[in-house]
Each structure stands twice: as C-alpha cells, then as structure tokens.
Amino acid sequence: MDTEEPTGARDSGHTSLEVGAEALRGLAHPLRARILDELTVQGAATATILAERLGESSGSTSYHLRQLSRYGFVEADPGHASRRDRWWRVRPGGWRMSGIDHLRDPATRAAAEIVLDRYYGGRRERLERWRDLVRTSPDAPAVRRWQAGAQDSLAHARMTPEETEEFGEALQEFIRSWTRRYEGRTARSHPDTESVELHTDLFPHLAPTDASEGHDPGPTPP
C-alpha cells in the first residue's frame, strides 16, 4: 500500500518526499490535512486566504503552514513576491509513503490510520461531488463542458507481485510525464482550466484466507 501524491516534476530537481515517522505524525493533524488538500487543488495561497476558505483564524492557518513546511510538505511560493503576505505552495515533487510499513509499526500505526483514512476519504468525497453534479445538473454548462473528458475505467490482468510492481512504476512515470507538461499553471495564468484529479488503485484480489503467509492456492483447474 504505497500512497503517492505527485505534484511536481522530478526532472526539475525535485524528488518525492519520503514520509517517515515524524512527518507522518505531523500530517495527522486534521487542519493540516485540509490545508494541504486546499493548496493541492486550488494552488498557492496565503494564511489569510486559507483561513477564509476553511473558516479558521489566520493565526491558526499560519501556524499549521509553518508546521507543514517543517515536515517538508509545503514551501514558500517563489511566484508570489510580497513583503506583506507570505504565499505557500505544495512542495514540488509530491510525497509518498509506505502505508503497510507504517501500519505494521506500533509507533506509527495510529497516525497512519488517521492519514490514510483522510487520504482515501478525501478521494471518495471529491469523486462523489462530481458524480452528484452529473446526476443533479447534467445540463449545467460546466458539467456539459467536462463530461467528455471526465471518465473512469476498470481493468484486470493476471500478474505476479514483481510484474505488478513493475507495472505500477511504469504507470506512475507515465502519469508524471504528463503532469510535468502542466506544471506551474494557476487559475490566474490559465483561467480556462480546472484542477483535474486522477485516481489509480492497483491491488490483488485476495480473500482473507489468502493473506496468511505460505498460502497454497491448490492445483490449477484443467
């Protein structure tokens, strides 16, 4: 269970942040997760802007932005030079973590459960928001404009664990190669765009009894 949020170009000198125990516990705070989601979807913002969007005080968002910066998730945005307000952006390169390793470790299990629940829950909520719009407002101009581009798909293949890992890495690199093309865009510089989200889930179909180590699947049917 590797979780990855690729938000920048690796060939621009930015590598993915490997989330260790300390950074994981730093991300487990609910407001920090909301701030990180907001910066990821809407782009760079100040503590004041985030406070207005999230219904928090600017002092609170400012503090949690500094904590996110301390753990490597956000950084000052060089595209906004302002002496009065500091602009923040998600750290280019994104972040990744091994959910299974953190869940196995008693020292990080609680924080991992919080982060993973928020991560997958947020994905479901954003997808349901779009589906609700399609159901309730299919003729709305914005829905009609995006209906051809928005899609979902399901595919199955029979692979070994090693082949699955190789496939997953190739898929992630393909995604990164395309997102690099749009790096640096903002709502102001490209007003005809929206933040677009892609979900990928790669997992085996294991029954509970299959999960035990050394499971023998038995003979292959003729």
Protein backbone atom coordinates (compact mmCIF):
# COMPACT_ATOMS: atom_id res chain seq x y z
CA MET A 1 0.00 0.00 0.00
CA ASP A 2 2.15 2.84 -1.31
CA THR A 3 0.48 6.24 -1.28
CA GLU A 4 1.77 8.89 -3.65
CA GLU A 5 0.73 12.42 -4.50
CA PRO A 6 2.88 13.55 -7.45
CA THR A 7 2.55 17.34 -7.54
CA GLY A 8 5.69 18.38 -9.37
CA ALA A 9 8.38 17.41 -11.81
CA ARG A 10 11.11 15.04 -10.74
CA ASP A 11 13.33 16.13 -13.63
CA SER A 12 13.28 19.74 -12.32
CA GLY A 13 15.46 18.81 -9.36
CA HIS A 14 12.57 17.83 -7.10
CA THR A 15 12.21 14.32 -5.76
CA SER A 16 9.24 12.89 -3.91
CA LEU A 17 9.27 13.39 -0.17
CA GLU A 18 9.52 10.03 1.57
CA VAL A 19 7.22 10.38 4.57
CA GLY A 20 8.87 9.00 7.69
CA ALA A 21 7.50 8.61 11.19
CA GLU A 22 7.96 12.25 12.26
CA ALA A 23 6.46 13.71 9.08
CA LEU A 24 3.59 11.22 9.28
CA ARG A 25 2.69 12.33 12.79
CA GLY A 26 2.95 15.95 11.65
CA LEU A 27 0.48 15.30 8.84
CA ALA A 28 -2.03 13.55 11.10
CA HIS A 29 -3.49 16.87 12.33
CA PRO A 30 -6.90 17.35 10.62
CA LEU A 31 -6.43 21.06 9.81
CA ARG A 32 -3.04 20.43 8.25
CA ALA A 33 -4.60 17.79 6.03
CA ARG A 34 -7.30 20.26 4.95
CA ILE A 35 -4.70 22.95 4.25
CA LEU A 36 -2.62 20.55 2.18
CA ASP A 37 -5.70 19.47 0.20
CA GLU A 38 -6.64 23.10 -0.44
CA LEU A 39 -3.16 24.00 -1.70
CA THR A 40 -3.07 20.88 -3.86
CA VAL A 41 -6.42 21.56 -5.53
CA GLN A 42 -6.54 25.37 -5.63
CA GLY A 43 -2.85 26.25 -5.84
CA ALA A 44 -0.72 28.68 -3.85
CA ALA A 45 -2.36 30.78 -1.13
CA THR A 46 -1.61 32.85 1.94
CA ALA A 47 -2.57 32.01 5.50
CA THR A 48 -5.29 34.66 5.31
CA ILE A 49 -6.79 33.22 2.11
CA LEU A 50 -6.77 29.72 3.58
CA ALA A 51 -8.36 30.96 6.80
CA GLU A 52 -11.26 32.47 4.84
CA ARG A 53 -11.78 29.32 2.77
CA LEU A 54 -11.57 26.93 5.71
CA GLY A 55 -13.38 29.00 8.33
CA GLU A 56 -10.33 29.24 10.59
CA SER A 57 -8.31 32.09 12.04
CA SER A 58 -5.30 33.31 10.08
CA GLY A 59 -3.15 32.73 13.16
CA SER A 60 -4.14 29.06 13.15
CA THR A 61 -3.55 28.53 9.43
CA SER A 62 -0.25 30.40 9.65
CA TYR A 63 0.95 28.13 12.47
CA HIS A 64 -0.04 24.93 10.69
CA LEU A 65 1.52 26.12 7.43
CA ARG A 66 4.81 26.53 9.27
CA GLN A 67 4.45 23.02 10.66
CA LEU A 68 3.73 21.61 7.20
CA SER A 69 6.82 23.45 5.97
CA ARG A 70 8.87 22.00 8.81
CA TYR A 71 7.94 18.46 7.74
CA GLY A 72 8.57 19.21 4.06
CA PHE A 73 5.04 19.21 2.64
CA VAL A 74 4.83 22.91 1.67
CA GLU A 75 7.24 25.73 0.89
CA ALA A 76 7.21 29.45 0.15
CA ASP A 77 5.94 30.12 -3.37
CA PRO A 78 8.62 31.94 -5.41
CA GLY A 79 5.98 33.04 -7.91
CA HIS A 80 4.48 35.49 -5.41
CA ALA A 81 6.85 38.17 -4.22
CA SER A 82 5.06 40.03 -1.44
CA ARG A 83 6.52 41.79 1.58
CA ARG A 84 3.17 41.84 3.31
CA ASP A 85 1.82 38.32 2.86
CA ARG A 86 3.70 35.07 2.52
CA TRP A 87 2.39 32.74 -0.17
CA TRP A 88 2.67 28.99 0.21
CA ARG A 89 2.57 26.14 -2.27
CA VAL A 90 2.73 22.36 -2.11
CA ARG A 91 6.33 21.22 -2.33
CA PRO A 92 7.13 20.25 -5.96
CA GLY A 93 7.84 16.56 -6.32
CA GLY A 94 4.92 15.45 -4.18
CA TRP A 95 5.17 12.92 -1.37
CA ARG A 96 4.91 9.21 -0.92
CA MET A 97 4.65 6.80 1.99
CA SER A 98 4.51 3.08 2.56
CA GLY A 99 1.18 2.65 4.33
CA ILE A 100 1.75 -1.01 5.14
CA ASP A 101 5.10 -0.34 6.84
CA HIS A 102 3.61 2.43 8.98
CA LEU A 103 0.57 0.31 9.87
CA ARG A 104 2.84 -2.54 10.98
CA ASP A 105 4.85 -0.29 13.30
CA PRO A 106 3.08 0.28 16.66
CA ALA A 107 4.83 3.66 16.93
CA THR A 108 3.20 4.98 13.74
CA ARG A 109 0.04 2.87 13.41
CA ALA A 110 -2.34 5.44 14.91
CA ALA A 111 -1.00 8.31 12.80
CA ALA A 112 -1.00 6.14 9.67
CA GLU A 113 -4.65 5.20 10.19
CA ILE A 114 -5.60 8.88 10.51
CA VAL A 115 -3.64 9.94 7.42
CA LEU A 116 -4.81 7.04 5.26
CA ASP A 117 -8.45 7.45 6.33
CA ARG A 118 -8.28 11.13 5.41
CA TYR A 119 -6.45 10.39 2.14
CA TYR A 120 -8.88 7.77 0.85
CA GLY A 121 -11.90 9.53 2.36
CA GLY A 122 -11.00 12.75 0.58
CA ARG A 123 -10.69 10.92 -2.71
CA ARG A 124 -14.15 9.42 -2.29
CA GLU A 125 -15.69 12.75 -1.31
CA ARG A 126 -14.26 14.62 -4.31
CA LEU A 127 -15.33 11.89 -6.72
CA GLU A 128 -18.83 11.78 -5.23
CA ARG A 129 -19.07 15.56 -5.56
CA TRP A 130 -18.54 15.25 -9.29
CA ARG A 131 -20.94 12.33 -9.60
CA ASP A 132 -23.59 14.28 -7.70
CA LEU A 133 -23.22 17.18 -10.14
CA VAL A 134 -23.60 14.81 -13.09
CA ARG A 135 -26.75 13.30 -11.53
CA THR A 136 -28.40 16.52 -10.39
CA SER A 137 -27.21 19.03 -13.00
CA PRO A 138 -26.38 17.16 -16.22
CA ASP A 139 -27.28 20.16 -18.37
CA ALA A 140 -25.26 22.71 -16.42
CA PRO A 141 -22.73 24.42 -18.74
CA ALA A 142 -19.73 23.41 -16.62
CA VAL A 143 -20.86 19.77 -16.43
CA ARG A 144 -21.50 19.61 -20.18
CA ARG A 145 -18.08 21.14 -20.84
CA TRP A 146 -16.28 18.49 -18.79
CA GLN A 147 -18.40 15.41 -19.43
CA ALA A 148 -16.32 14.13 -22.38
CA GLY A 149 -13.02 14.48 -20.54
CA ALA A 150 -14.08 13.02 -17.21
CA GLN A 151 -14.05 9.24 -17.21
CA ASP A 152 -13.49 6.13 -15.17
CA SER A 153 -12.33 2.68 -16.14
CA LEU A 154 -11.69 -0.77 -14.72
CA ALA A 155 -9.11 -3.28 -15.96
CA HIS A 156 -7.98 -6.72 -14.81
CA ALA A 157 -4.78 -8.63 -15.52
CA ARG A 158 -3.16 -11.72 -14.05
CA MET A 159 0.37 -10.86 -12.86
CA THR A 160 2.99 -11.83 -10.32
CA PRO A 161 3.81 -9.42 -7.44
CA GLU A 162 7.02 -8.47 -9.28
CA GLU A 163 5.19 -7.78 -12.53
CA THR A 164 2.61 -5.74 -10.64
CA GLU A 165 5.33 -3.60 -9.05
CA GLU A 166 6.97 -3.05 -12.45
CA PHE A 167 3.62 -2.15 -13.99
CA GLY A 168 2.84 0.28 -11.16
CA GLU A 169 6.17 2.09 -11.53
CA ALA A 170 5.70 2.41 -15.29
CA LEU A 171 2.18 3.74 -14.77
CA GLN A 172 3.34 6.34 -12.23
CA GLU A 173 6.12 7.52 -14.55
CA PHE A 174 3.61 7.88 -17.38
CA ILE A 175 1.38 10.00 -15.15
CA ARG A 176 4.32 12.13 -14.03
CA SER A 177 5.46 12.65 -17.63
CA TRP A 178 2.07 14.16 -18.47
CA THR A 179 1.63 16.26 -15.33
CA ARG A 180 5.06 17.84 -15.98
CA ARG A 181 3.55 19.45 -19.09
CA TYR A 182 1.16 21.50 -16.96
CA GLU A 183 3.49 22.35 -14.10
CA GLY A 184 3.30 25.95 -12.92
CA ARG A 185 -0.19 26.65 -14.22
CA THR A 186 -2.51 28.63 -11.97
CA ALA A 187 -6.13 29.68 -12.15
CA ARG A 188 -4.92 33.19 -12.97
CA SER A 189 -2.48 32.21 -15.73
CA HIS A 190 -4.87 29.64 -17.27
CA PRO A 191 -8.43 30.71 -16.39
CA ASP A 192 -9.95 28.12 -18.76
CA THR A 193 -8.59 25.22 -16.67
CA GLU A 194 -9.67 23.40 -13.54
CA SER A 195 -7.75 21.19 -11.15
CA VAL A 196 -8.13 17.64 -12.52
CA GLU A 197 -7.72 14.59 -10.31
CA LEU A 198 -6.76 11.05 -11.31
CA HIS A 199 -7.13 8.00 -9.04
CA THR A 200 -5.22 4.79 -9.58
CA ASP A 201 -5.61 1.69 -7.43
CA LEU A 202 -3.51 -1.37 -8.10
CA PHE A 203 -4.20 -4.32 -5.82
CA PRO A 204 -4.64 -8.12 -5.80
CA HIS A 205 -7.94 -9.88 -5.23
CA LEU A 206 -7.08 -11.69 -2.01
CA ALA A 207 -9.60 -13.47 0.17
CA PRO A 208 -8.96 -13.22 3.94
CA THR A 209 -7.70 -16.80 3.97
CA ASP A 210 -5.24 -15.99 1.18
CA ALA A 211 -3.49 -13.32 3.24
CA SER A 212 -1.76 -15.78 5.55
CA GLU A 213 1.87 -16.37 4.67
CA GLY A 214 2.57 -19.54 2.75
CA HIS A 215 -0.97 -19.93 1.40
CA ASP A 216 -1.19 -22.66 -1.21
CA PRO A 217 -3.75 -21.83 -3.92
CA GLY A 218 -4.04 -25.51 -4.85
CA PRO A 219 -3.90 -27.11 -8.28
CA THR A 220 -4.88 -25.13 -11.33
CA PRO A 221 -8.22 -26.31 -12.78
CA PRO A 222 -7.93 -28.06 -16.14
